N, C-alpha and C. Protein backbone atom coordinates (compact mmCIF):
# COMPACT_ATOMS: atom_id res chain seq x y z
N MET A 1 4.72 232.09 15.42
CA MET A 1 4.90 232.75 16.45
C MET A 1 3.75 234.63 15.64
N THR A 2 3.22 234.37 17.39
CA THR A 2 2.28 235.15 17.48
C THR A 2 2.22 236.47 17.33
N ASN A 3 1.67 237.28 16.14
CA ASN A 3 1.72 239.43 15.94
C ASN A 3 0.83 240.06 16.64
N THR A 4 1.82 240.41 17.73
CA THR A 4 1.52 240.70 18.69
C THR A 4 0.10 242.47 18.10
N ALA A 5 0.58 242.93 17.09
CA ALA A 5 -0.68 243.56 16.63
C ALA A 5 -2.31 243.13 16.45
N ASN A 6 -2.44 241.48 16.51
CA ASN A 6 -3.49 240.94 16.09
C ASN A 6 -3.89 240.12 17.96
N VAL A 7 -5.50 240.25 17.59
CA VAL A 7 -5.34 239.24 18.69
C VAL A 7 -4.83 237.93 18.93
N SER A 8 -4.81 237.37 20.38
CA SER A 8 -4.33 235.96 20.21
C SER A 8 -5.20 235.14 20.39
N LEU A 9 -5.18 234.09 20.35
CA LEU A 9 -6.24 233.16 20.68
C LEU A 9 -7.24 233.06 21.90
N SER A 10 -6.75 233.47 23.01
CA SER A 10 -7.73 233.65 24.11
C SER A 10 -8.65 234.73 23.63
N GLY A 11 -8.72 235.65 22.98
CA GLY A 11 -9.51 236.67 22.70
C GLY A 11 -8.68 238.30 23.43
N ARG A 12 -7.64 237.72 23.97
CA ARG A 12 -7.18 238.95 24.35
C ARG A 12 -5.87 239.73 23.03
N SER A 13 -6.00 241.23 23.54
CA SER A 13 -4.94 241.68 21.91
C SER A 13 -3.51 241.26 22.28
N HIS A 14 -2.90 241.31 23.81
CA HIS A 14 -1.17 240.88 23.36
C HIS A 14 -1.56 238.82 23.81
N PRO A 15 -0.15 238.78 23.58
CA PRO A 15 -0.35 236.72 23.25
C PRO A 15 -0.11 236.60 24.66
N PRO A 16 -1.17 235.50 25.19
CA PRO A 16 -0.15 234.86 25.95
C PRO A 16 1.31 234.02 26.45
N ARG A 17 1.68 234.05 25.21
CA ARG A 17 2.85 233.38 25.32
C ARG A 17 2.80 231.74 24.29
N ALA A 18 4.21 232.01 22.91
CA ALA A 18 4.17 231.44 21.92
C ALA A 18 6.02 230.93 21.75
N ILE A 19 6.15 229.81 21.01
CA ILE A 19 7.16 229.98 20.64
C ILE A 19 7.12 229.04 19.48
N ALA A 20 8.27 230.52 18.09
CA ALA A 20 8.32 229.07 17.32
C ALA A 20 10.17 229.16 17.54
N ILE A 21 10.48 228.07 16.69
CA ILE A 21 11.97 227.90 16.28
C ILE A 21 11.48 227.55 14.73
N ARG A 22 12.45 228.29 14.17
CA ARG A 22 13.00 228.34 12.44
C ARG A 22 13.68 228.58 12.37
N ARG A 23 14.64 227.49 10.40
CA ARG A 23 15.75 227.54 10.22
C ARG A 23 16.30 228.77 9.83
N ALA A 24 17.75 228.77 10.21
CA ALA A 24 18.07 231.07 9.07
C ALA A 24 19.40 230.17 8.36
N GLU A 25 19.94 231.11 8.07
CA GLU A 25 21.58 231.08 7.22
C GLU A 25 22.12 230.94 7.95
N ARG A 26 23.27 231.02 9.50
CA ARG A 26 23.24 230.08 10.16
C ARG A 26 23.00 229.21 10.63
N GLY A 27 22.13 228.49 10.95
CA GLY A 27 21.51 227.87 11.99
C GLY A 27 20.46 227.70 12.11
N TYR A 28 20.21 228.70 13.90
CA TYR A 28 18.67 228.33 13.66
C TYR A 28 18.16 230.28 14.80
N VAL A 29 16.48 229.94 14.53
CA VAL A 29 16.63 230.88 15.84
C VAL A 29 14.59 230.70 16.35
N LEU A 30 14.87 230.91 17.41
CA LEU A 30 14.08 230.75 18.36
C LEU A 30 13.27 231.86 19.06
N GLU A 31 12.69 232.48 18.42
CA GLU A 31 12.18 233.72 19.25
C GLU A 31 10.16 233.45 19.55
N ALA A 32 10.43 233.69 20.73
CA ALA A 32 9.60 233.49 22.06
C ALA A 32 8.94 234.68 23.38
N GLU A 33 7.66 234.82 23.33
CA GLU A 33 6.71 235.91 23.84
C GLU A 33 5.78 234.94 24.81
N VAL A 34 6.18 235.70 26.04
CA VAL A 34 4.92 235.90 26.68
C VAL A 34 4.81 237.11 26.89
N TRP A 35 3.23 237.92 27.70
CA TRP A 35 2.89 238.52 28.27
C TRP A 35 2.67 238.00 30.13
N LEU A 36 2.94 239.10 30.65
CA LEU A 36 2.95 239.60 32.57
C LEU A 36 1.56 240.77 32.92
N PRO A 37 1.28 239.88 33.43
CA PRO A 37 0.52 241.39 33.93
C PRO A 37 0.86 241.69 34.64
N ARG A 38 2.51 242.80 34.12
CA ARG A 38 2.96 243.83 35.59
C ARG A 38 4.04 244.51 34.83
N PRO A 39 3.71 246.02 35.46
CA PRO A 39 4.86 246.72 34.30
C PRO A 39 5.61 246.48 33.64
N VAL A 40 6.39 247.51 33.29
CA VAL A 40 8.01 246.52 33.14
C VAL A 40 9.55 247.19 33.81
N GLU A 41 7.89 248.06 34.97
CA GLU A 41 9.53 248.90 36.01
C GLU A 41 9.53 247.51 36.75
N ASP A 42 8.39 246.49 36.71
CA ASP A 42 8.95 245.25 37.97
C ASP A 42 8.97 244.06 36.95
N VAL A 43 9.14 244.27 36.23
CA VAL A 43 10.17 243.21 35.01
C VAL A 43 11.22 242.99 35.58
N PHE A 44 11.79 244.55 34.42
CA PHE A 44 12.64 244.39 33.89
C PHE A 44 13.80 244.17 34.85
N PRO A 45 14.26 244.49 36.24
CA PRO A 45 15.17 244.44 37.29
C PRO A 45 14.42 243.03 37.19
N PHE A 46 13.83 241.90 37.59
CA PHE A 46 14.55 240.57 37.98
C PHE A 46 15.70 239.68 36.84
N PHE A 47 15.15 240.52 35.93
CA PHE A 47 16.57 239.68 33.88
C PHE A 47 17.46 240.62 34.65
N ALA A 48 17.48 242.26 35.20
CA ALA A 48 18.78 242.75 34.97
C ALA A 48 19.75 242.17 36.45
N ASP A 49 19.10 240.57 36.80
CA ASP A 49 19.98 240.26 38.10
C ASP A 49 20.49 239.28 37.37
N ALA A 50 21.87 238.92 36.85
CA ALA A 50 22.60 237.75 36.42
C ALA A 50 21.31 236.22 37.58
N GLY A 51 21.54 236.13 38.17
CA GLY A 51 21.44 234.94 39.59
C GLY A 51 19.78 234.86 38.90
N ASN A 52 19.39 235.44 39.08
CA ASN A 52 17.49 234.96 38.29
C ASN A 52 18.09 234.37 37.32
N LEU A 53 18.93 234.00 36.55
CA LEU A 53 18.89 233.25 35.54
C LEU A 53 18.80 231.79 36.40
N GLU A 54 19.33 231.40 37.36
CA GLU A 54 18.77 230.50 38.30
C GLU A 54 17.44 229.66 37.94
N ILE A 55 16.69 230.43 38.53
CA ILE A 55 15.14 230.09 38.84
C ILE A 55 14.71 230.29 37.11
N LEU A 56 15.15 230.60 36.21
CA LEU A 56 14.40 229.94 35.20
C LEU A 56 15.16 229.63 34.17
N THR A 57 15.71 228.33 34.77
CA THR A 57 16.27 227.19 33.92
C THR A 57 15.92 226.12 34.78
N PRO A 58 15.75 225.54 33.95
CA PRO A 58 14.73 223.90 34.57
C PRO A 58 16.06 223.16 35.33
N SER A 59 15.67 222.21 36.03
CA SER A 59 16.84 221.73 37.23
C SER A 59 17.74 221.02 36.41
N PHE A 60 16.95 219.75 35.95
CA PHE A 60 17.73 219.03 34.74
C PHE A 60 19.05 219.02 34.35
N LEU A 61 18.88 220.73 34.03
CA LEU A 61 20.43 221.43 33.92
C LEU A 61 21.36 221.68 34.63
N ARG A 62 20.83 221.23 36.21
CA ARG A 62 22.01 221.33 36.95
C ARG A 62 22.52 222.77 37.15
N PHE A 63 21.52 224.33 36.11
CA PHE A 63 22.48 225.47 36.20
C PHE A 63 22.92 226.24 37.05
N GLU A 64 24.41 226.59 36.71
CA GLU A 64 24.63 227.22 38.29
C GLU A 64 25.67 228.30 37.61
N VAL A 65 24.92 229.83 38.53
CA VAL A 65 25.66 231.41 38.17
C VAL A 65 26.76 231.14 39.12
N LEU A 66 28.16 231.26 38.07
CA LEU A 66 29.58 230.93 39.14
C LEU A 66 29.83 232.31 39.24
N THR A 67 29.99 232.60 38.37
CA THR A 67 30.85 234.62 38.44
C THR A 67 30.16 235.07 40.32
N PRO A 68 30.78 236.05 40.68
CA PRO A 68 30.16 236.23 42.24
C PRO A 68 29.23 237.51 42.12
N ARG A 69 28.54 237.64 43.21
CA ARG A 69 26.70 238.03 42.76
C ARG A 69 27.65 239.14 44.08
N PRO A 70 26.69 240.57 44.05
CA PRO A 70 26.07 240.98 42.87
C PRO A 70 26.88 241.43 41.55
N VAL A 71 26.40 240.69 40.09
CA VAL A 71 26.84 241.49 39.04
C VAL A 71 26.27 242.55 38.79
N ASP A 72 27.13 243.58 37.99
CA ASP A 72 27.13 244.79 37.59
C ASP A 72 26.88 244.75 36.46
N MET A 73 25.48 244.92 35.92
CA MET A 73 25.00 244.31 34.42
C MET A 73 25.02 245.95 33.38
N GLY A 74 26.00 245.31 32.81
CA GLY A 74 25.88 246.51 31.05
C GLY A 74 27.20 245.66 29.88
N VAL A 75 27.22 246.60 29.38
CA VAL A 75 27.78 246.39 28.09
C VAL A 75 29.28 246.00 28.60
N GLY A 76 29.92 244.37 27.91
CA GLY A 76 30.91 244.25 28.91
C GLY A 76 30.89 243.23 29.45
N THR A 77 29.76 243.17 30.26
CA THR A 77 30.49 242.32 31.82
C THR A 77 30.03 241.16 31.25
N ARG A 78 30.98 240.17 31.59
CA ARG A 78 30.97 238.43 31.48
C ARG A 78 30.85 237.96 32.28
N ILE A 79 29.87 236.85 32.15
CA ILE A 79 29.32 236.12 33.19
C ILE A 79 29.75 234.09 32.51
N ASP A 80 29.52 233.86 34.34
CA ASP A 80 30.57 232.16 34.13
C ASP A 80 29.25 231.23 34.37
N TYR A 81 28.98 230.37 33.92
CA TYR A 81 27.87 229.48 34.62
C TYR A 81 28.66 228.40 34.27
N ARG A 82 27.91 226.50 34.88
CA ARG A 82 28.70 225.65 34.44
C ARG A 82 26.19 225.04 35.13
N LEU A 83 26.55 224.11 33.74
CA LEU A 83 24.94 223.11 33.52
C LEU A 83 25.73 221.60 33.22
N ARG A 84 24.34 220.87 33.37
CA ARG A 84 24.64 219.96 32.26
C ARG A 84 23.76 219.28 32.05
N VAL A 85 24.33 218.92 30.44
CA VAL A 85 23.83 219.04 28.49
C VAL A 85 23.83 217.73 28.76
N HIS A 86 22.57 216.53 29.16
CA HIS A 86 22.60 215.69 29.45
C HIS A 86 23.59 214.06 29.52
N ALA A 87 23.96 215.37 30.69
CA ALA A 87 24.66 214.58 31.86
C ALA A 87 26.04 214.83 31.72
N ILE A 88 26.52 215.81 30.57
CA ILE A 88 27.69 216.20 29.92
C ILE A 88 27.96 217.55 31.16
N PRO A 89 28.99 217.62 32.08
CA PRO A 89 29.10 218.80 32.31
C PRO A 89 29.95 219.91 31.75
N ILE A 90 29.19 221.60 31.84
CA ILE A 90 29.83 222.63 30.25
C ILE A 90 29.82 223.37 31.22
N ARG A 91 30.53 224.09 30.64
CA ARG A 91 31.77 225.69 31.20
C ARG A 91 30.51 226.69 29.98
N TRP A 92 29.95 227.68 30.27
CA TRP A 92 29.20 228.66 29.66
C TRP A 92 30.00 229.51 30.01
N GLN A 93 30.05 231.18 29.23
CA GLN A 93 30.87 231.83 29.12
C GLN A 93 29.95 233.09 28.43
N SER A 94 28.92 234.39 28.27
CA SER A 94 28.15 234.83 28.10
C SER A 94 29.23 236.52 28.42
N ALA A 95 28.13 237.56 27.28
CA ALA A 95 28.52 238.93 27.44
C ALA A 95 27.96 239.56 27.42
N ILE A 96 27.87 240.52 28.18
CA ILE A 96 26.42 242.06 27.55
C ILE A 96 26.99 242.19 26.67
N THR A 97 26.48 242.05 25.29
CA THR A 97 26.48 243.07 24.16
C THR A 97 25.82 243.78 24.03
N CYS A 98 24.60 244.31 24.41
CA CYS A 98 24.18 245.41 24.69
C CYS A 98 23.09 245.61 25.94
N TRP A 99 22.79 246.85 26.29
CA TRP A 99 22.27 247.11 27.76
C TRP A 99 21.43 247.82 27.31
N ASP A 100 20.09 247.93 27.56
CA ASP A 100 19.81 249.35 27.51
C ASP A 100 18.48 249.25 28.43
N PRO A 101 18.63 249.58 29.58
CA PRO A 101 17.44 249.18 30.85
C PRO A 101 16.41 250.19 30.40
N PRO A 102 14.97 249.92 30.61
CA PRO A 102 14.59 248.54 30.94
C PRO A 102 13.58 248.22 29.47
N TYR A 103 14.33 248.47 28.39
CA TYR A 103 13.74 247.97 26.95
C TYR A 103 14.32 246.77 26.62
N ARG A 104 15.59 246.76 27.25
CA ARG A 104 16.16 245.48 26.09
C ARG A 104 18.12 245.16 26.14
N PHE A 105 18.07 244.38 26.23
CA PHE A 105 19.82 243.78 26.59
C PHE A 105 19.71 242.30 25.88
N VAL A 106 21.04 242.50 25.09
CA VAL A 106 21.69 241.05 24.88
C VAL A 106 22.38 240.32 25.15
N ASP A 107 23.09 238.87 25.33
CA ASP A 107 23.63 238.46 25.79
C ASP A 107 24.44 237.25 24.45
N GLU A 108 25.54 236.96 24.64
CA GLU A 108 26.67 236.50 22.97
C GLU A 108 27.70 235.36 24.45
N MET A 109 26.71 234.16 23.76
CA MET A 109 27.65 233.03 24.40
C MET A 109 29.24 233.04 24.10
N LEU A 110 30.23 233.54 24.70
CA LEU A 110 31.55 233.30 24.44
C LEU A 110 32.34 231.98 24.04
N ARG A 111 31.87 231.19 25.20
CA ARG A 111 32.27 230.07 25.28
C ARG A 111 31.61 228.90 26.01
N GLY A 112 31.27 227.96 25.10
CA GLY A 112 30.11 226.38 26.08
C GLY A 112 29.20 226.03 24.72
N PRO A 113 28.27 225.37 25.02
CA PRO A 113 28.12 224.24 23.89
C PRO A 113 27.24 224.76 22.62
N TYR A 114 26.55 225.63 22.05
CA TYR A 114 26.60 226.00 20.57
C TYR A 114 27.93 226.54 20.03
N ARG A 115 27.56 227.22 18.48
CA ARG A 115 29.14 227.60 17.89
C ARG A 115 28.55 228.87 18.20
N ARG A 116 27.15 228.93 17.73
CA ARG A 116 26.86 230.06 18.03
C ARG A 116 25.29 230.58 19.00
N TRP A 117 25.12 231.82 19.76
CA TRP A 117 24.27 232.03 21.11
C TRP A 117 24.20 233.70 21.02
N HIS A 118 23.17 233.76 20.66
CA HIS A 118 22.50 235.83 20.45
C HIS A 118 21.45 235.85 21.02
N HIS A 119 21.62 236.42 21.62
CA HIS A 119 19.95 236.27 23.07
C HIS A 119 20.18 237.60 23.33
N GLU A 120 18.41 237.85 22.47
CA GLU A 120 18.09 239.78 22.47
C GLU A 120 16.89 239.27 23.37
N HIS A 121 16.84 239.99 24.50
CA HIS A 121 15.54 240.40 25.08
C HIS A 121 15.03 241.64 25.37
N THR A 122 13.67 241.76 24.52
CA THR A 122 12.99 242.77 24.65
C THR A 122 11.74 242.86 25.79
N PHE A 123 11.70 244.16 26.13
CA PHE A 123 10.77 244.26 27.63
C PHE A 123 9.74 245.17 27.01
N GLU A 124 8.46 244.77 26.19
CA GLU A 124 7.60 246.23 26.08
C GLU A 124 6.86 246.21 26.85
N ALA A 125 5.72 247.65 27.17
CA ALA A 125 4.39 247.51 27.52
C ALA A 125 3.18 247.83 26.33
N VAL A 126 2.49 246.72 27.22
CA VAL A 126 1.79 246.45 25.92
C VAL A 126 -0.07 245.93 26.80
N ASP A 127 -0.69 246.56 26.65
CA ASP A 127 -2.01 245.61 27.03
C ASP A 127 -2.13 246.30 28.83
N GLY A 128 -1.36 246.90 29.42
CA GLY A 128 -1.15 247.69 30.95
C GLY A 128 -0.38 246.58 31.58
N GLY A 129 0.91 245.75 31.21
CA GLY A 129 1.07 244.83 31.30
C GLY A 129 2.88 244.27 30.10
N THR A 130 3.57 243.78 30.47
CA THR A 130 4.79 243.79 29.81
C THR A 130 4.66 242.60 28.75
N LEU A 131 5.27 242.57 27.04
CA LEU A 131 5.19 241.30 26.35
C LEU A 131 6.84 241.38 26.38
N VAL A 132 7.03 240.28 27.11
CA VAL A 132 8.59 239.64 27.91
C VAL A 132 9.01 238.74 26.30
N ARG A 133 9.97 239.56 25.53
CA ARG A 133 10.22 238.53 23.98
C ARG A 133 11.15 238.21 24.57
N ASP A 134 11.94 236.48 23.41
CA ASP A 134 13.45 236.67 23.77
C ASP A 134 13.86 236.02 21.54
N ARG A 135 14.33 236.04 21.36
CA ARG A 135 14.98 235.76 20.31
C ARG A 135 16.70 235.55 19.88
N VAL A 136 16.66 234.34 20.01
CA VAL A 136 18.27 233.26 19.94
C VAL A 136 17.74 232.95 19.11
N GLN A 137 19.13 233.25 18.37
CA GLN A 137 20.06 232.70 16.75
C GLN A 137 21.14 232.30 17.60
N TYR A 138 20.61 231.05 17.15
CA TYR A 138 21.91 229.55 17.68
C TYR A 138 22.22 228.59 16.65
N ALA A 139 23.45 228.36 16.39
CA ALA A 139 23.52 227.04 15.47
C ALA A 139 24.24 226.22 16.80
N VAL A 140 24.76 224.56 16.35
CA VAL A 140 24.88 223.83 17.28
C VAL A 140 25.63 222.70 16.21
N PRO A 141 26.96 222.30 17.04
CA PRO A 141 27.36 221.15 16.09
C PRO A 141 26.90 220.78 16.26
N GLY A 142 27.20 219.50 15.06
CA GLY A 142 26.45 218.50 14.20
C GLY A 142 25.66 219.19 12.74
N GLY A 143 25.14 220.25 13.36
CA GLY A 143 23.98 220.42 12.45
C GLY A 143 22.35 220.30 12.78
N ALA A 144 21.46 220.19 11.10
CA ALA A 144 20.21 220.11 11.28
C ALA A 144 20.39 219.10 11.73
N LEU A 145 21.08 217.87 11.51
CA LEU A 145 20.74 216.31 13.09
C LEU A 145 20.53 216.27 14.15
N VAL A 146 21.91 216.86 14.70
CA VAL A 146 21.52 216.99 15.99
C VAL A 146 20.73 218.17 16.20
N HIS A 147 20.58 218.84 15.58
CA HIS A 147 18.90 219.69 16.36
C HIS A 147 18.07 219.10 16.09
N ALA A 148 17.66 217.99 15.19
CA ALA A 148 16.13 217.06 14.97
C ALA A 148 17.34 216.57 15.94
N LEU A 149 17.31 216.14 16.36
CA LEU A 149 17.22 214.53 17.56
C LEU A 149 17.47 215.08 18.95
N MET A 150 17.87 215.97 19.01
CA MET A 150 18.16 216.92 20.46
C MET A 150 17.77 218.06 21.24
N VAL A 151 18.84 219.02 20.88
CA VAL A 151 18.81 220.52 20.50
C VAL A 151 17.06 221.30 20.12
N GLY A 152 16.69 220.69 19.27
CA GLY A 152 14.86 221.50 19.24
C GLY A 152 14.72 221.16 20.33
N ARG A 153 14.08 219.67 21.09
CA ARG A 153 13.88 219.58 21.60
C ARG A 153 13.87 220.61 23.46
N ASP A 154 15.28 220.34 23.40
CA ASP A 154 15.89 221.48 24.34
C ASP A 154 15.63 222.44 24.87
N VAL A 155 15.90 223.03 23.44
CA VAL A 155 15.88 224.65 23.72
C VAL A 155 13.91 224.65 23.65
N ARG A 156 13.28 224.00 22.85
CA ARG A 156 12.19 224.58 22.92
C ARG A 156 11.68 224.20 24.54
N LYS A 157 11.58 223.00 25.24
CA LYS A 157 11.23 222.93 27.31
C LYS A 157 12.41 223.89 27.72
N ILE A 158 13.47 224.37 27.47
CA ILE A 158 13.71 225.87 28.14
C ILE A 158 13.45 226.36 28.17
N PHE A 159 12.77 226.89 26.82
CA PHE A 159 11.49 228.33 26.84
C PHE A 159 10.55 227.81 27.73
N THR A 160 9.74 227.11 27.21
CA THR A 160 8.34 226.28 27.77
C THR A 160 8.61 226.67 29.67
N TYR A 161 9.53 226.07 30.45
CA TYR A 161 9.88 225.86 31.64
C TYR A 161 9.87 227.79 31.84
N ARG A 162 10.50 228.49 30.89
CA ARG A 162 10.98 229.77 31.37
C ARG A 162 9.51 230.77 31.70
N GLN A 163 8.46 230.61 30.49
CA GLN A 163 7.32 231.53 30.27
C GLN A 163 6.57 230.52 31.72
N ASP A 164 6.48 229.41 31.47
CA ASP A 164 5.84 228.73 33.32
C ASP A 164 5.91 229.69 34.63
N LYS A 165 6.94 229.93 34.13
CA LYS A 165 8.40 230.72 35.92
C LYS A 165 8.07 231.77 35.53
N LEU A 166 8.27 232.46 35.10
CA LEU A 166 7.59 233.73 34.94
C LEU A 166 5.87 234.51 35.05
N GLN A 167 5.07 232.88 34.49
CA GLN A 167 3.46 233.27 34.79
C GLN A 167 3.05 233.93 35.95
N THR A 168 4.17 232.36 36.80
CA THR A 168 3.98 231.81 38.59
C THR A 168 4.42 232.89 38.68
N LEU A 169 5.50 233.82 38.60
CA LEU A 169 6.46 234.66 39.35
C LEU A 169 6.14 236.34 39.41
N PHE A 170 5.37 236.20 38.06
CA PHE A 170 4.67 237.65 37.96
C PHE A 170 3.20 237.46 37.35
N PRO A 171 2.35 237.33 38.74
CA PRO A 171 0.88 237.53 38.78
C PRO A 171 0.11 238.16 38.47
N ALA A 172 -0.91 238.49 38.46
CA ALA A 172 -1.72 239.89 38.05
C ALA A 172 -2.26 240.80 39.59
N ASP A 173 -2.37 240.29 40.18
CA ASP A 173 -2.43 240.78 41.72
C ASP A 173 -0.85 241.37 42.51
N GLY A 174 0.30 240.52 41.93
CA GLY A 174 1.62 241.05 42.82
C GLY A 174 2.26 240.22 43.51
N ALA A 175 1.05 239.31 44.09
CA ALA A 175 1.43 238.44 44.71
C ALA A 175 2.43 237.77 44.01
N GLY A 176 3.90 237.40 44.81
CA GLY A 176 5.07 236.36 44.41
C GLY A 176 5.91 237.00 43.28
N THR A 177 5.52 238.72 43.87
CA THR A 177 6.33 239.79 42.37
C THR A 177 7.95 239.21 42.98
N PRO A 178 8.69 238.93 42.11
CA PRO A 178 10.44 239.04 42.69
C PRO A 178 10.49 240.71 43.50
N GLY A 179 10.94 240.53 44.42
CA GLY A 179 11.05 241.69 45.06
C GLY A 179 10.33 242.26 45.74
N ALA A 180 9.03 241.94 45.87
CA ALA A 180 8.29 243.04 46.58
C ALA A 180 7.73 242.44 47.09
């Protein structure tokens, strides 16, 4: 994972993007970060709209938010989704367990395909833009073998897509910025 206190490989003082997955005591931890050349005030509202998760999810998952919109985000908000994982239909329900706009929020899976899914989103003003960080603590049924054969690759692919999409949605000139 890129350390934000250091200069990135591109020579900028912010990391353009990074993803790392490591084994942890209770499963795995994914850490992803992407720098967007837009202020936090432009970026956070996009994440505060639960419906935008459909935009940030690759089409192969056929992801759909089922909770009627608009979703009033805050601690205790529950959101229902439907998706397909390797052609298997899945229902997912998450709850917002921390809501601190525009800096941070946490969603946790209440029902879904993982044994555990705790996803912390943080937003930090860095170098005139926003460093968006995701930290996901998760555990999978079937443990290390299932993770190695399928889940690890899938999770990395999903977050790579997410970073690509965010960089498209939030360009330096503000063109295409959601809600602009």
